[in-house]
């Protein structure tokens, strides 16, 4: 499994319609056949703490079966290409964190 997390900081001057388009395109993107599971949303209303970053506007967490599905999504997925072409002018910054989950520790009996 591979988990692909993308954090977006939108331009401050976006219109209501542009912001709605960005959100709609994120929802469409999450329906890609390459994605096994997805979580898409905006900053949660958790308490302020030194280690918590509430500065982003939207984020996605897409779970892929393996690296090959992730690579196909990056290079061959029409939904991903559409999202980039439609929305890249809407955000000032994007940061991606990809992770490979640790294997379950079978010695704990869970």
N, C-alpha and C. Protein backbone atom coordinates (compact mmCIF):
# COMPACT_ATOMS: atom_id res chain seq x y z
N UNK A 1 0.84 -1.18 0.00
CA UNK A 1 0.00 0.00 0.00
C UNK A 1 0.88 1.24 0.00
N UNK A 2 0.38 2.29 -0.62
CA UNK A 2 1.03 3.59 -0.63
C UNK A 2 -0.03 4.65 -0.35
N UNK A 3 0.28 5.58 0.53
CA UNK A 3 -0.67 6.65 0.86
C UNK A 3 -0.09 7.98 0.38
N UNK A 4 -0.88 8.65 -0.43
CA UNK A 4 -0.48 9.91 -1.09
C UNK A 4 -1.29 11.04 -0.46
N UNK A 5 -0.61 11.93 0.27
CA UNK A 5 -1.26 13.06 0.93
C UNK A 5 -0.84 14.35 0.23
N UNK A 6 -1.82 15.13 -0.18
CA UNK A 6 -1.53 16.41 -0.84
C UNK A 6 -2.25 17.53 -0.09
N UNK A 7 -1.51 18.58 0.22
CA UNK A 7 -2.05 19.74 0.95
C UNK A 7 -2.00 20.95 0.03
N UNK A 8 -3.12 21.68 -0.04
CA UNK A 8 -3.27 22.80 -0.97
C UNK A 8 -3.53 24.10 -0.22
N UNK A 9 -2.81 25.14 -0.62
CA UNK A 9 -3.04 26.49 -0.15
C UNK A 9 -3.60 27.27 -1.35
N UNK A 10 -4.86 27.63 -1.27
CA UNK A 10 -5.51 28.32 -2.39
C UNK A 10 -5.13 29.79 -2.42
N UNK A 11 -5.22 30.36 -3.62
CA UNK A 11 -5.01 31.81 -3.75
C UNK A 11 -6.08 32.54 -2.94
N UNK A 12 -5.71 33.61 -2.31
CA UNK A 12 -6.64 34.37 -1.47
C UNK A 12 -7.69 35.12 -2.29
N UNK A 13 -7.39 35.37 -3.58
CA UNK A 13 -8.30 36.15 -4.41
C UNK A 13 -9.27 35.28 -5.23
N UNK A 14 -9.40 34.00 -4.91
CA UNK A 14 -10.34 33.16 -5.66
C UNK A 14 -11.77 33.63 -5.44
N UNK A 15 -12.55 33.55 -6.49
CA UNK A 15 -13.97 33.86 -6.36
C UNK A 15 -14.67 32.66 -5.70
N UNK A 16 -15.89 32.88 -5.28
CA UNK A 16 -16.68 31.80 -4.70
C UNK A 16 -16.84 30.67 -5.71
N UNK A 17 -17.06 31.02 -6.97
CA UNK A 17 -17.22 30.01 -8.02
C UNK A 17 -15.93 29.22 -8.26
N UNK A 18 -14.79 29.91 -8.25
CA UNK A 18 -13.51 29.21 -8.44
C UNK A 18 -13.23 28.25 -7.28
N UNK A 19 -13.53 28.69 -6.09
CA UNK A 19 -13.34 27.83 -4.91
C UNK A 19 -14.26 26.60 -5.00
N UNK A 20 -15.50 26.81 -5.44
CA UNK A 20 -16.44 25.71 -5.62
C UNK A 20 -15.96 24.75 -6.71
N UNK A 21 -15.39 25.29 -7.77
CA UNK A 21 -14.84 24.46 -8.84
C UNK A 21 -13.70 23.61 -8.31
N UNK A 22 -12.81 24.21 -7.52
CA UNK A 22 -11.69 23.47 -6.94
C UNK A 22 -12.22 22.30 -6.10
N UNK A 23 -13.18 22.57 -5.24
CA UNK A 23 -13.72 21.53 -4.38
C UNK A 23 -14.40 20.43 -5.21
N UNK A 24 -15.15 20.82 -6.22
CA UNK A 24 -15.82 19.83 -7.08
C UNK A 24 -14.80 18.96 -7.82
N UNK A 25 -13.74 19.57 -8.29
CA UNK A 25 -12.69 18.81 -8.99
C UNK A 25 -11.97 17.86 -8.04
N UNK A 26 -11.76 18.26 -6.79
CA UNK A 26 -11.18 17.34 -5.80
C UNK A 26 -12.08 16.12 -5.60
N UNK A 27 -13.38 16.36 -5.52
CA UNK A 27 -14.33 15.26 -5.34
C UNK A 27 -14.29 14.30 -6.53
N UNK A 28 -14.21 14.85 -7.73
CA UNK A 28 -14.10 14.00 -8.93
C UNK A 28 -12.79 13.22 -8.94
N UNK A 29 -11.73 13.87 -8.56
CA UNK A 29 -10.41 13.25 -8.54
C UNK A 29 -10.41 12.02 -7.63
N UNK A 30 -11.08 12.12 -6.51
CA UNK A 30 -11.11 11.02 -5.54
C UNK A 30 -11.82 9.78 -6.08
N UNK A 31 -12.56 9.92 -7.18
CA UNK A 31 -13.27 8.78 -7.77
C UNK A 31 -12.43 7.99 -8.76
N UNK A 32 -11.16 8.35 -8.92
CA UNK A 32 -10.29 7.65 -9.86
C UNK A 32 -10.24 6.16 -9.54
N UNK A 33 -10.25 5.35 -10.57
CA UNK A 33 -10.21 3.89 -10.38
C UNK A 33 -8.89 3.41 -9.79
N UNK A 34 -7.86 4.22 -9.82
CA UNK A 34 -6.57 3.83 -9.24
C UNK A 34 -6.57 3.92 -7.71
N UNK A 35 -7.51 4.67 -7.16
CA UNK A 35 -7.54 4.95 -5.72
C UNK A 35 -8.41 3.91 -5.02
N UNK A 36 -7.83 3.25 -4.01
CA UNK A 36 -8.57 2.25 -3.24
C UNK A 36 -9.44 2.88 -2.15
N UNK A 37 -8.93 3.94 -1.54
CA UNK A 37 -9.65 4.62 -0.47
C UNK A 37 -9.23 6.08 -0.49
N UNK A 38 -10.12 6.95 -0.08
CA UNK A 38 -9.78 8.37 -0.12
C UNK A 38 -10.41 9.13 1.03
N UNK A 39 -9.73 10.20 1.39
CA UNK A 39 -10.23 11.18 2.35
C UNK A 39 -9.88 12.54 1.77
N UNK A 40 -10.87 13.38 1.64
CA UNK A 40 -10.67 14.71 1.09
C UNK A 40 -11.40 15.70 1.98
N UNK A 41 -10.75 16.81 2.30
CA UNK A 41 -11.43 17.78 3.14
C UNK A 41 -10.65 19.05 3.33
N UNK A 42 -11.14 19.85 4.26
CA UNK A 42 -10.49 21.12 4.59
C UNK A 42 -9.94 21.03 6.00
N UNK A 43 -9.30 22.07 6.44
CA UNK A 43 -8.68 22.10 7.76
C UNK A 43 -9.70 21.79 8.85
N UNK A 44 -9.35 20.87 9.73
CA UNK A 44 -10.24 20.50 10.83
C UNK A 44 -10.20 21.56 11.93
N UNK A 45 -11.29 21.73 12.66
CA UNK A 45 -11.34 22.74 13.72
C UNK A 45 -10.72 22.27 15.04
N UNK A 46 -9.55 21.67 14.95
CA UNK A 46 -8.87 21.21 16.16
C UNK A 46 -8.21 22.39 16.87
N UNK A 47 -7.95 22.26 18.17
CA UNK A 47 -7.32 23.36 18.91
C UNK A 47 -5.93 23.71 18.36
N UNK A 48 -5.58 24.97 18.49
CA UNK A 48 -4.25 25.43 18.09
C UNK A 48 -3.21 24.81 19.01
N UNK A 49 -2.14 24.28 18.40
CA UNK A 49 -0.99 23.76 19.14
C UNK A 49 0.25 24.07 18.32
N UNK A 50 1.39 24.07 18.94
CA UNK A 50 2.64 24.36 18.22
C UNK A 50 2.87 23.43 17.05
N UNK A 51 2.45 22.19 17.17
CA UNK A 51 2.75 21.19 16.15
C UNK A 51 1.65 21.05 15.09
N UNK A 52 0.56 21.77 15.24
CA UNK A 52 -0.56 21.65 14.31
C UNK A 52 -0.52 22.79 13.29
N UNK A 53 -0.60 22.41 12.01
CA UNK A 53 -0.59 23.39 10.92
C UNK A 53 -2.01 23.51 10.36
N UNK A 54 -2.64 24.62 10.61
CA UNK A 54 -3.98 24.88 10.08
C UNK A 54 -3.95 25.83 8.88
N UNK A 55 -2.79 26.03 8.31
CA UNK A 55 -2.65 27.06 7.28
C UNK A 55 -3.14 26.63 5.89
N UNK A 56 -3.31 25.33 5.65
CA UNK A 56 -3.75 24.87 4.32
C UNK A 56 -5.27 25.00 4.20
N UNK A 57 -5.75 24.98 2.96
CA UNK A 57 -7.18 25.11 2.70
C UNK A 57 -7.87 23.77 2.48
N UNK A 58 -7.23 22.89 1.71
CA UNK A 58 -7.77 21.57 1.41
C UNK A 58 -6.64 20.55 1.44
N UNK A 59 -7.03 19.29 1.67
CA UNK A 59 -6.05 18.21 1.63
C UNK A 59 -6.74 16.95 1.14
N UNK A 60 -5.93 16.07 0.56
CA UNK A 60 -6.41 14.76 0.15
C UNK A 60 -5.49 13.71 0.73
N UNK A 61 -6.05 12.55 1.00
CA UNK A 61 -5.27 11.38 1.39
C UNK A 61 -5.80 10.24 0.54
N UNK A 62 -5.03 9.85 -0.46
CA UNK A 62 -5.44 8.79 -1.38
C UNK A 62 -4.62 7.54 -1.10
N UNK A 63 -5.29 6.42 -0.98
CA UNK A 63 -4.64 5.14 -0.70
C UNK A 63 -4.60 4.32 -1.98
N UNK A 64 -3.40 3.91 -2.35
CA UNK A 64 -3.19 3.10 -3.55
C UNK A 64 -2.78 1.69 -3.14
N UNK A 65 -3.17 0.72 -3.94
CA UNK A 65 -2.82 -0.67 -3.67
C UNK A 65 -1.31 -0.85 -3.63
N UNK A 66 -0.62 -0.17 -4.56
CA UNK A 66 0.84 -0.33 -4.64
C UNK A 66 1.44 0.84 -5.41
N UNK A 67 2.75 0.83 -5.53
CA UNK A 67 3.46 1.91 -6.21
C UNK A 67 3.08 2.01 -7.68
N UNK A 68 2.82 0.90 -8.33
CA UNK A 68 2.48 0.95 -9.75
C UNK A 68 1.14 1.67 -9.98
N UNK A 69 0.17 1.47 -9.09
CA UNK A 69 -1.10 2.20 -9.22
C UNK A 69 -0.88 3.69 -8.98
N UNK A 70 -0.03 4.03 -8.02
CA UNK A 70 0.29 5.43 -7.77
C UNK A 70 0.94 6.06 -9.00
N UNK A 71 1.89 5.36 -9.60
CA UNK A 71 2.57 5.89 -10.78
C UNK A 71 1.63 6.03 -11.96
N UNK A 72 0.73 5.08 -12.13
CA UNK A 72 -0.26 5.17 -13.22
C UNK A 72 -1.19 6.37 -12.98
N UNK A 73 -1.59 6.57 -11.74
CA UNK A 73 -2.41 7.73 -11.38
C UNK A 73 -1.68 9.02 -11.74
N UNK A 74 -0.39 9.11 -11.40
CA UNK A 74 0.39 10.31 -11.67
C UNK A 74 0.56 10.58 -13.16
N UNK A 75 0.70 9.54 -13.96
CA UNK A 75 1.07 9.71 -15.37
C UNK A 75 -0.06 9.47 -16.36
N UNK A 76 -1.00 8.59 -16.02
CA UNK A 76 -1.99 8.13 -17.01
C UNK A 76 -3.44 8.39 -16.65
N UNK A 77 -3.71 8.91 -15.49
CA UNK A 77 -5.09 9.07 -15.03
C UNK A 77 -5.72 10.34 -15.62
N UNK A 78 -6.76 10.18 -16.45
CA UNK A 78 -7.42 11.36 -17.03
C UNK A 78 -7.97 12.32 -15.97
N UNK A 79 -8.48 11.78 -14.86
CA UNK A 79 -9.02 12.64 -13.79
C UNK A 79 -7.92 13.50 -13.17
N UNK A 80 -6.74 12.91 -12.98
CA UNK A 80 -5.62 13.65 -12.41
C UNK A 80 -5.14 14.74 -13.38
N UNK A 81 -5.04 14.39 -14.66
CA UNK A 81 -4.62 15.37 -15.66
C UNK A 81 -5.63 16.52 -15.74
N UNK A 82 -6.93 16.17 -15.67
CA UNK A 82 -7.98 17.21 -15.71
C UNK A 82 -7.87 18.11 -14.49
N UNK A 83 -7.68 17.52 -13.30
CA UNK A 83 -7.55 18.31 -12.09
C UNK A 83 -6.40 19.31 -12.21
N UNK A 84 -5.25 18.84 -12.67
CA UNK A 84 -4.09 19.71 -12.81
C UNK A 84 -4.38 20.85 -13.79
N UNK A 85 -4.92 20.52 -14.96
CA UNK A 85 -5.15 21.57 -15.96
C UNK A 85 -6.23 22.55 -15.52
N UNK A 86 -7.23 22.07 -14.81
CA UNK A 86 -8.33 22.94 -14.37
C UNK A 86 -7.95 23.77 -13.15
N UNK A 87 -7.20 23.18 -12.22
CA UNK A 87 -7.05 23.79 -10.89
C UNK A 87 -5.67 24.33 -10.54
N UNK A 88 -4.66 24.08 -11.36
CA UNK A 88 -3.31 24.50 -10.94
C UNK A 88 -3.20 26.01 -10.75
N UNK A 89 -4.01 26.78 -11.43
CA UNK A 89 -3.95 28.23 -11.25
C UNK A 89 -4.70 28.69 -9.99
N UNK A 90 -5.42 27.79 -9.33
CA UNK A 90 -6.20 28.14 -8.16
C UNK A 90 -5.41 28.09 -6.86
N UNK A 91 -4.28 27.39 -6.86
CA UNK A 91 -3.53 27.30 -5.61
C UNK A 91 -2.16 27.93 -5.72
N UNK A 92 -1.73 28.49 -4.59
CA UNK A 92 -0.41 29.12 -4.50
C UNK A 92 0.67 28.10 -4.21
N UNK A 93 0.26 27.03 -3.50
CA UNK A 93 1.25 26.06 -3.03
C UNK A 93 0.57 24.72 -2.85
N UNK A 94 1.31 23.67 -3.15
CA UNK A 94 0.89 22.30 -2.86
C UNK A 94 2.11 21.56 -2.31
N UNK A 95 1.88 20.78 -1.27
CA UNK A 95 2.94 19.93 -0.72
C UNK A 95 2.39 18.52 -0.67
N UNK A 96 3.21 17.57 -1.12
CA UNK A 96 2.81 16.16 -1.15
C UNK A 96 3.70 15.37 -0.20
N UNK A 97 3.05 14.53 0.59
CA UNK A 97 3.75 13.58 1.47
C UNK A 97 3.26 12.19 1.09
N UNK A 98 4.14 11.36 0.58
CA UNK A 98 3.81 9.98 0.26
C UNK A 98 4.40 9.09 1.33
N UNK A 99 3.63 8.10 1.75
CA UNK A 99 4.18 7.20 2.77
C UNK A 99 3.80 5.76 2.48
N UNK A 100 4.66 4.89 2.94
CA UNK A 100 4.41 3.46 2.89
C UNK A 100 4.19 3.01 4.33
N UNK A 101 2.98 2.53 4.65
CA UNK A 101 2.71 2.16 6.04
C UNK A 101 3.65 1.07 6.55
N UNK A 102 3.95 1.15 7.84
CA UNK A 102 4.75 0.11 8.47
C UNK A 102 3.93 -1.18 8.48
N UNK A 103 4.60 -2.28 8.38
CA UNK A 103 3.93 -3.57 8.46
C UNK A 103 3.39 -3.78 9.87
N UNK A 104 2.25 -4.45 9.98
CA UNK A 104 1.66 -4.74 11.29
C UNK A 104 2.63 -5.61 12.09
N UNK A 105 2.74 -5.34 13.36
CA UNK A 105 3.59 -6.13 14.25
C UNK A 105 2.76 -7.31 14.76
N UNK A 106 3.00 -8.48 14.18
CA UNK A 106 2.21 -9.66 14.52
C UNK A 106 2.49 -10.18 15.92
N UNK A 107 3.57 -9.73 16.54
CA UNK A 107 3.91 -10.21 17.89
C UNK A 107 3.01 -9.61 18.96
N UNK A 108 2.23 -8.59 18.64
CA UNK A 108 1.38 -7.93 19.64
C UNK A 108 0.02 -8.61 19.78
N UNK A 109 -0.28 -9.53 18.89
CA UNK A 109 -1.53 -10.26 18.99
C UNK A 109 -2.78 -9.48 18.63
N UNK A 110 -2.66 -8.39 17.92
CA UNK A 110 -3.82 -7.59 17.52
C UNK A 110 -4.31 -7.99 16.17
